[in-house]
Amino acid sequence: MISSTSNKKITEITELQNKSKARREKGLYIIEGRKLFLEAPVDDIVEAYVEERIWDSPDTVLKDKLKKVKAESVSTEVMKKMCDTKTPQGILAVLKTPKYALEDMIKNENVKPLLLIIEELQDPGNLGTLLRTGEGAGVTGIILSPGTVDIYNPKVIRGSMGSIFRMPVCQVDNLDSAINRIKSEGIKVYAAHLKGEKFHDEFDYATGTAFLIGNEGNGLTQHTADQADCYVRIPMEGKVESLNAAIAGTLLIYEANRQRRRESERK
């Protein structure tokens, strides 16, 4: 059992929790808690740590997986040192970062692409929400600009509620090039914009579709918005000028989901 907070392994995990640069360089990220641990692909788990008390739990499903990945026991103090959460659940694992390519997202013969293209989103909670609702709405891939919050930020992971393991995400070096490549495959790109002449539910999203989502405070840059095929406007009543980025994205992708379900029902 590891009982020292100065143990080399514990120091490395703390660095992974706190520094996106360390996560990128090592190709690793951290998950915490029972739910995420049970959903995590076994083949992606590099290391796992469990507080000693968990071994006395009647939860045989959890303990069987902990044994399978050869989880190492740690003291309560060490677990608190490793975890990002204020009240750790007693389980932490280190996972390999998956690799997704833009080409795989836009050239899937089995499904019509439904993409989110995210520019400079900074709030990890918003990104986590978009991962979760993206999976629920049938999004086939998420593309992030270079300046967007790290997808493996601990708060993004918690906000995704497990979707981090299943949603293909690609952070590109050049957003302009990515958008041009997406459009070259006949995928129509839409930007939620106050200058949109038609509401978001007046377009046809049954074919290949991508939605541009911008920064929380400033929205899309004009340069990126200008690359869209169409502006779409979300209806606003009262004195509200704009919506939270995650909510706006959710409205758009669920409208696409609704249309695609209707089309499927008609066939």
Foldseek 3Di string as FASTA:
>chain_A
DAEDCPPPVLVLLLCQQPDPVSCVVVQKFKAFDDQQLLLADLVFWPAKEFEPVCVVDPPPSSVVSCVVSVHHYYHPVSQCSNDPDNDGPGMMTMGGHDDDDLVCQQPPPVDFAEEEEEEQAEDLLLLLLLLQLCVVLVHQAYEYEPNYPDCRNHNSVVNVSNSSNPHHYYYDDDSVVSLVVNVVSVAAEEEADPPFPEALLVDALQHHYYYYFYYQPPTDDPVVNVSGPGYHYHDDDDPDDDDGRSVVSSVNSNSSSVNNVVVVVVD
